N, C-alpha and C. Protein backbone atom coordinates (compact mmCIF):
# COMPACT_ATOMS: atom_id res chain seq x y z
N UNK A 1 14.16 -19.70 56.29
CA UNK A 1 14.20 -21.03 56.01
C UNK A 1 15.02 -21.90 56.01
N UNK A 2 14.78 -22.76 56.51
CA UNK A 2 15.73 -24.43 57.57
C UNK A 2 16.89 -24.32 56.80
N UNK A 3 17.14 -25.57 57.48
CA UNK A 3 18.28 -26.23 56.66
C UNK A 3 17.64 -27.21 55.29
N UNK A 4 16.84 -28.03 56.36
CA UNK A 4 15.78 -28.69 55.56
C UNK A 4 15.13 -28.17 54.64
N UNK A 5 13.97 -26.86 54.71
CA UNK A 5 13.49 -26.71 54.07
C UNK A 5 14.30 -25.97 52.49
N UNK A 6 15.61 -25.34 52.79
CA UNK A 6 16.72 -25.18 51.30
C UNK A 6 16.96 -26.37 51.20
N UNK A 7 16.74 -27.31 51.32
CA UNK A 7 17.03 -28.53 50.32
C UNK A 7 16.12 -29.03 49.82
N UNK A 8 14.69 -29.28 50.68
CA UNK A 8 13.54 -29.63 50.04
C UNK A 8 13.62 -28.72 48.48
N UNK A 9 13.63 -27.54 48.31
CA UNK A 9 13.45 -26.55 47.32
C UNK A 9 14.58 -26.98 46.89
N UNK A 10 15.65 -27.24 46.53
CA UNK A 10 16.95 -27.34 46.39
C UNK A 10 16.28 -28.86 45.05
N UNK A 11 15.76 -29.53 45.40
CA UNK A 11 15.75 -30.92 45.19
C UNK A 11 13.89 -30.81 44.48
N UNK A 12 13.12 -30.11 44.52
CA UNK A 12 12.49 -29.82 43.79
C UNK A 12 10.48 -29.66 44.72
N UNK A 13 10.92 -29.99 45.55
CA UNK A 13 10.06 -29.76 46.53
C UNK A 13 8.83 -28.60 46.12
N UNK A 14 7.43 -29.32 45.70
CA UNK A 14 7.12 -28.05 46.71
C UNK A 14 6.19 -28.22 44.80
N UNK A 15 6.82 -28.71 43.68
CA UNK A 15 5.65 -28.56 42.61
C UNK A 15 5.36 -30.03 42.21
N UNK A 16 6.27 -30.75 41.19
CA UNK A 16 5.97 -32.25 41.12
C UNK A 16 7.26 -33.20 41.58
N UNK A 17 7.36 -33.35 42.56
CA UNK A 17 8.40 -33.93 43.56
C UNK A 17 8.43 -35.82 42.29
N UNK A 18 9.42 -36.21 42.50
CA UNK A 18 9.45 -37.22 41.30
C UNK A 18 10.28 -37.39 42.52
N UNK A 19 10.08 -39.16 42.33
CA UNK A 19 9.80 -39.62 43.38
C UNK A 19 11.49 -40.83 43.04
N UNK A 20 12.14 -40.77 44.44
CA UNK A 20 13.68 -40.88 44.73
C UNK A 20 14.13 -41.83 43.32
N UNK A 21 15.51 -41.85 42.51
CA UNK A 21 15.49 -42.35 41.78
C UNK A 21 15.74 -42.57 41.03
N UNK A 22 14.80 -41.62 40.98
CA UNK A 22 13.86 -41.89 38.83
C UNK A 22 14.85 -40.25 39.07
N UNK A 23 15.81 -40.35 37.23
CA UNK A 23 16.28 -39.00 36.89
C UNK A 23 15.33 -38.42 36.06
N UNK A 24 15.82 -37.26 36.78
CA UNK A 24 14.59 -35.83 35.69
C UNK A 24 14.59 -36.17 34.14
N UNK A 25 13.35 -35.26 33.98
CA UNK A 25 13.30 -35.60 32.28
C UNK A 25 14.49 -34.22 31.25
N UNK A 26 14.63 -34.59 30.51
CA UNK A 26 15.85 -33.81 29.72
C UNK A 26 15.24 -32.47 29.39
N UNK A 27 15.69 -31.76 29.86
CA UNK A 27 14.89 -30.27 29.91
C UNK A 27 14.47 -29.90 28.24
N UNK A 28 13.69 -29.59 27.61
CA UNK A 28 13.14 -29.11 26.28
C UNK A 28 14.51 -28.66 25.43
N UNK A 29 14.81 -28.27 24.17
CA UNK A 29 15.46 -27.65 23.72
C UNK A 29 14.70 -25.96 23.57
N UNK A 30 15.01 -25.35 23.41
CA UNK A 30 14.57 -23.88 22.98
C UNK A 30 15.64 -23.44 21.51
N UNK A 31 14.94 -22.61 20.99
CA UNK A 31 16.21 -21.82 19.67
C UNK A 31 16.44 -20.48 20.66
N UNK A 32 17.53 -19.72 19.95
CA UNK A 32 17.96 -18.69 20.90
C UNK A 32 18.87 -17.36 19.80
N UNK A 33 19.09 -16.86 20.44
CA UNK A 33 20.14 -15.71 19.46
C UNK A 33 21.47 -15.82 19.51
N UNK A 34 22.47 -16.64 19.05
CA UNK A 34 23.45 -16.95 19.54
C UNK A 34 24.33 -14.61 19.93
N UNK A 35 25.61 -14.76 20.56
CA UNK A 35 25.92 -13.19 20.59
C UNK A 35 26.36 -12.31 19.59
N UNK A 36 26.59 -12.78 18.36
CA UNK A 36 26.82 -11.97 16.99
C UNK A 36 25.92 -11.71 16.76
N UNK A 37 24.32 -12.44 17.18
CA UNK A 37 22.91 -11.98 16.68
C UNK A 37 22.52 -11.15 17.40
N UNK A 38 22.71 -11.35 18.25
CA UNK A 38 21.82 -10.25 19.55
C UNK A 38 22.50 -8.79 19.30
N UNK A 39 24.18 -9.02 19.26
CA UNK A 39 24.67 -8.16 19.40
C UNK A 39 24.25 -6.84 18.12
N UNK A 40 24.03 -7.83 16.75
CA UNK A 40 23.38 -7.18 15.87
C UNK A 40 21.66 -6.49 15.96
N UNK A 41 21.47 -6.90 16.54
CA UNK A 41 19.93 -6.83 16.68
C UNK A 41 20.31 -5.27 17.85
N UNK A 42 21.17 -6.13 18.89
CA UNK A 42 21.05 -4.53 19.69
C UNK A 42 21.50 -3.48 19.65
N UNK A 43 22.84 -3.49 18.84
CA UNK A 43 23.07 -2.04 17.75
C UNK A 43 22.16 -1.39 17.15
N UNK A 44 20.72 -1.77 16.04
CA UNK A 44 20.37 -1.16 15.62
C UNK A 44 18.79 -1.07 17.30
N UNK A 45 18.88 -1.89 17.80
CA UNK A 45 17.88 -0.97 19.16
C UNK A 45 18.30 0.05 20.20
N UNK A 46 19.80 -0.11 19.87
CA UNK A 46 20.11 1.23 20.45
C UNK A 46 20.47 2.64 19.80
N UNK A 47 20.48 2.26 18.58
CA UNK A 47 20.12 3.91 17.67
C UNK A 47 18.90 4.13 17.78
N UNK A 48 17.80 3.71 17.61
CA UNK A 48 16.92 3.38 17.78
C UNK A 48 15.53 4.50 19.04
N UNK A 49 16.52 3.63 20.15
CA UNK A 49 16.33 4.34 21.76
C UNK A 49 17.03 5.77 21.86
N UNK A 50 17.95 5.97 21.24
CA UNK A 50 18.26 7.08 21.23
C UNK A 50 17.45 8.37 19.77
N UNK A 51 17.26 7.75 18.69
CA UNK A 51 16.81 8.77 18.42
C UNK A 51 14.99 8.94 18.65
N UNK A 52 14.41 8.04 19.67
CA UNK A 52 13.23 8.39 20.21
C UNK A 52 12.84 7.90 19.74
N UNK A 53 12.58 6.48 19.03
CA UNK A 53 11.74 5.52 18.64
C UNK A 53 11.17 4.33 19.06
N UNK A 54 12.53 3.69 19.89
CA UNK A 54 11.70 2.34 20.72
C UNK A 54 12.24 2.63 22.12
N UNK A 55 11.23 2.06 23.20
CA UNK A 55 11.43 2.63 24.63
C UNK A 55 12.03 0.93 24.96
N UNK A 56 11.24 0.27 24.89
CA UNK A 56 11.44 -1.29 25.17
C UNK A 56 11.77 -2.44 24.60
N UNK A 57 12.07 -3.13 25.20
CA UNK A 57 12.27 -4.94 24.41
C UNK A 57 11.98 -6.65 25.17
N UNK A 58 12.15 -6.56 24.48
CA UNK A 58 11.28 -8.50 24.93
C UNK A 58 11.86 -9.40 24.75
N UNK A 59 12.80 -9.85 24.79
CA UNK A 59 12.97 -11.69 24.01
C UNK A 59 12.24 -13.40 24.54
N UNK A 60 11.94 -13.65 23.99
CA UNK A 60 11.28 -14.44 23.78
C UNK A 60 11.61 -15.94 23.29
N UNK A 61 12.32 -16.98 24.04
CA UNK A 61 12.83 -18.09 23.56
C UNK A 61 12.35 -19.64 23.71
N UNK A 62 11.67 -19.42 21.85
CA UNK A 62 10.45 -20.95 22.28
C UNK A 62 10.83 -22.23 21.50
N UNK A 63 10.20 -23.46 21.81
CA UNK A 63 10.72 -24.90 20.89
C UNK A 63 11.23 -24.54 19.67
N UNK A 64 10.58 -23.63 18.72
CA UNK A 64 10.63 -23.60 17.49
C UNK A 64 11.55 -22.43 16.94
N UNK A 65 11.08 -21.09 18.01
CA UNK A 65 11.66 -19.74 17.16
C UNK A 65 12.13 -19.16 17.78
N UNK A 66 12.70 -18.18 17.95
CA UNK A 66 13.26 -16.98 19.19
C UNK A 66 13.13 -15.56 18.27
N UNK A 67 12.64 -14.73 19.43
CA UNK A 67 11.73 -13.83 19.02
C UNK A 67 12.18 -12.39 19.38
N UNK A 68 12.84 -11.46 19.46
CA UNK A 68 13.01 -10.48 19.64
C UNK A 68 11.95 -9.45 19.65
N UNK A 69 11.03 -8.57 20.23
CA UNK A 69 10.14 -7.94 20.42
C UNK A 69 10.60 -6.40 20.77
N UNK A 70 9.69 -5.40 20.21
CA UNK A 70 10.42 -3.78 20.39
C UNK A 70 9.38 -3.42 20.12
N UNK A 71 8.87 -2.13 21.45
CA UNK A 71 7.57 -1.27 21.78
C UNK A 71 8.48 0.33 22.17
N UNK A 72 7.26 0.80 21.80
CA UNK A 72 7.43 1.78 21.82
C UNK A 72 7.24 2.43 23.52
N UNK A 73 6.18 1.50 23.90
CA UNK A 73 6.22 1.58 25.14
C UNK A 73 5.92 0.71 25.91
N UNK A 74 5.80 -0.08 26.55
CA UNK A 74 5.86 -0.92 27.42
C UNK A 74 4.20 -1.58 27.55
N UNK A 75 3.41 -1.38 27.71
CA UNK A 75 2.34 -1.50 27.94
C UNK A 75 1.57 -1.24 26.37
N UNK A 76 2.04 -1.97 25.31
CA UNK A 76 1.67 -1.85 24.01
C UNK A 76 2.07 -3.11 23.14
N UNK A 77 1.03 -3.20 21.79
CA UNK A 77 1.58 -4.87 21.89
C UNK A 77 3.35 -3.71 20.86
N UNK A 78 4.18 -4.89 20.40
CA UNK A 78 4.83 -4.85 20.10
C UNK A 78 5.06 -4.17 18.63
N UNK A 79 6.49 -3.12 18.10
CA UNK A 79 6.01 -2.48 17.25
C UNK A 79 6.60 -3.01 15.85
N UNK A 80 7.35 -4.13 16.77
CA UNK A 80 8.04 -5.35 14.93
C UNK A 80 8.79 -6.26 16.26
N UNK A 81 8.91 -7.26 15.20
CA UNK A 81 9.19 -8.66 15.86
C UNK A 81 10.27 -8.99 14.77
N UNK A 82 11.58 -9.52 15.70
CA UNK A 82 12.37 -9.95 14.62
C UNK A 82 13.00 -11.07 15.46
N UNK A 83 12.29 -12.50 14.14
CA UNK A 83 12.17 -13.76 14.76
C UNK A 83 13.56 -14.51 14.12
N UNK A 84 13.11 -15.23 14.43
CA UNK A 84 14.57 -16.21 14.22
C UNK A 84 13.56 -18.08 14.31
N UNK A 85 14.03 -18.55 13.09
CA UNK A 85 13.04 -19.49 12.88
C UNK A 85 13.76 -20.63 12.01
N UNK A 86 14.68 -21.23 12.84
CA UNK A 86 15.62 -22.43 12.30
C UNK A 86 15.30 -23.65 11.09
N UNK A 87 13.59 -23.50 11.07
CA UNK A 87 13.31 -24.24 9.97
C UNK A 87 12.96 -23.90 8.96
N UNK A 88 13.12 -22.48 8.71
CA UNK A 88 13.54 -21.75 7.36
C UNK A 88 14.36 -21.59 7.32
N UNK A 89 15.76 -21.91 8.01
CA UNK A 89 16.68 -21.11 6.93
C UNK A 89 17.44 -22.05 5.73
N UNK A 90 16.48 -23.35 4.77
CA UNK A 90 17.03 -23.47 4.08
C UNK A 90 15.99 -22.76 2.93
N UNK A 91 15.25 -22.33 3.49
CA UNK A 91 13.70 -21.60 2.58
C UNK A 91 14.55 -20.70 2.46
N UNK A 92 13.16 -20.20 2.74
CA UNK A 92 13.18 -18.21 2.35
C UNK A 92 14.30 -17.64 3.24
N UNK A 93 15.28 -18.08 4.70
CA UNK A 93 15.52 -17.96 5.42
C UNK A 93 15.42 -18.01 6.73
N UNK A 94 16.31 -17.84 7.61
CA UNK A 94 16.22 -17.89 9.20
C UNK A 94 15.26 -17.16 9.87
N UNK A 95 15.39 -15.85 9.90
CA UNK A 95 15.21 -14.40 10.30
C UNK A 95 13.93 -13.77 9.31
N UNK A 96 13.50 -12.80 10.08
CA UNK A 96 11.78 -12.42 9.43
C UNK A 96 12.01 -11.62 10.56
N UNK A 97 11.44 -10.56 9.84
CA UNK A 97 10.95 -8.59 10.37
C UNK A 97 9.49 -8.97 10.40
N UNK A 98 8.06 -8.74 11.51
CA UNK A 98 7.25 -9.32 11.37
C UNK A 98 7.06 -7.44 11.95
N UNK A 99 5.53 -6.82 11.20
CA UNK A 99 5.19 -5.41 12.06
C UNK A 99 4.18 -5.99 12.92
N UNK A 100 3.56 -4.43 13.65
CA UNK A 100 2.47 -5.39 14.07
C UNK A 100 1.69 -5.71 13.87
N UNK A 101 0.32 -6.08 12.80
CA UNK A 101 -0.45 -7.32 12.16
C UNK A 101 -0.42 -8.36 11.46
N UNK A 102 1.06 -8.70 11.83
CA UNK A 102 1.27 -9.75 11.52
C UNK A 102 2.03 -9.71 10.15
N UNK A 103 2.21 -8.67 9.44
CA UNK A 103 3.04 -8.64 8.18
C UNK A 103 4.36 -8.74 8.37
N UNK A 104 4.95 -10.08 7.37
CA UNK A 104 6.08 -10.07 7.35
C UNK A 104 6.79 -8.58 6.73
N UNK A 105 8.06 -8.01 6.96
CA UNK A 105 8.58 -6.89 5.97
C UNK A 105 9.24 -7.40 5.43
N UNK A 106 10.16 -8.45 6.10
CA UNK A 106 11.45 -8.40 5.06
C UNK A 106 11.90 -10.23 5.83
N UNK A 107 12.42 -10.51 4.53
CA UNK A 107 12.41 -12.18 5.10
C UNK A 107 14.19 -12.64 4.56
N UNK A 108 15.00 -13.43 5.32
CA UNK A 108 16.54 -13.49 4.19
C UNK A 108 17.20 -14.89 5.32
N UNK A 109 18.23 -14.77 5.05
CA UNK A 109 19.29 -15.97 5.52
C UNK A 109 20.30 -14.78 5.92
N UNK A 110 20.74 -13.16 6.17
CA UNK A 110 21.43 -12.46 6.69
C UNK A 110 20.62 -11.46 7.30
N UNK A 111 21.20 -11.87 8.44
CA UNK A 111 20.59 -11.01 9.99
C UNK A 111 20.67 -9.28 9.11
N UNK A 112 21.79 -9.08 9.44
CA UNK A 112 21.79 -6.99 9.36
C UNK A 112 20.75 -7.13 7.95
N UNK A 113 21.30 -7.78 6.66
CA UNK A 113 20.46 -7.49 5.82
C UNK A 113 18.78 -7.18 5.66
N UNK A 114 17.92 -8.50 6.32
CA UNK A 114 16.86 -8.37 7.08
C UNK A 114 16.35 -6.82 8.17
N UNK A 115 17.29 -6.69 8.78
CA UNK A 115 17.18 -5.63 10.01
C UNK A 115 17.35 -3.83 9.01
N UNK A 116 18.21 -4.01 7.90
CA UNK A 116 17.69 -2.64 7.29
C UNK A 116 16.55 -1.95 7.36
N UNK A 117 15.84 -3.19 7.08
CA UNK A 117 14.03 -2.51 6.45
C UNK A 117 14.00 -1.23 8.05
N UNK A 118 14.21 -1.52 8.74
CA UNK A 118 13.76 -1.02 10.22
C UNK A 118 14.59 0.27 10.42
N UNK A 119 15.72 0.01 9.48
CA UNK A 119 17.02 1.51 9.35
C UNK A 119 15.83 2.57 9.38
N UNK A 120 15.98 3.74 9.96
CA UNK A 120 15.85 5.39 9.99
C UNK A 120 16.03 5.50 8.86
N UNK A 121 15.44 6.00 7.61
CA UNK A 121 15.03 6.72 6.64
C UNK A 121 15.57 8.21 6.47
N UNK A 122 16.89 8.39 5.70
CA UNK A 122 17.36 9.65 5.86
C UNK A 122 16.92 10.01 5.32
N UNK A 123 15.99 11.68 5.57
CA UNK A 123 15.07 12.45 4.57
C UNK A 123 16.13 13.09 4.02
N UNK A 124 15.82 13.27 2.54
CA UNK A 124 16.44 14.36 1.65
C UNK A 124 15.81 15.88 1.87
N UNK A 125 16.30 16.74 2.37
CA UNK A 125 16.23 18.28 1.92
C UNK A 125 16.79 19.55 1.24
N UNK A 126 15.47 20.60 0.70
CA UNK A 126 16.16 21.51 -0.15
C UNK A 126 16.80 22.06 0.46
N UNK A 127 17.99 22.47 0.63
CA UNK A 127 19.28 23.33 1.13
C UNK A 127 18.87 24.99 0.41
N UNK A 128 18.43 25.77 0.18
CA UNK A 128 18.44 27.25 0.09
C UNK A 128 19.35 27.84 0.22
N UNK A 129 20.02 28.38 -0.68
CA UNK A 129 21.28 28.82 -0.79
C UNK A 129 21.05 30.99 -0.14
């Protein structure tokens, strides 16, 4: 790419170039997980990967909500979605865990409490001496 092509690329040429002197429209705000929320989600994700339950994930940052999707295989529908919807923060809680069929498994204000629905249950076994 030549120097002229490079500068045209950075100005946004090729898509919808703006007329000279016209400011670019402000970016649309998106909802995102903060560092503490991602840390909580990724700790659970790491444990489930280590147990062989989950294999892949995707993060979608939308204008109305943020979604962390968990997959058993990357070509499938997500097993679970952890959603953050700030509009529901004062009502039933901003966080929810949604199963594959769209069923809300748990909703609440505290992400750690909501994620407990996904934690693997320890099965009790009878040990005979």
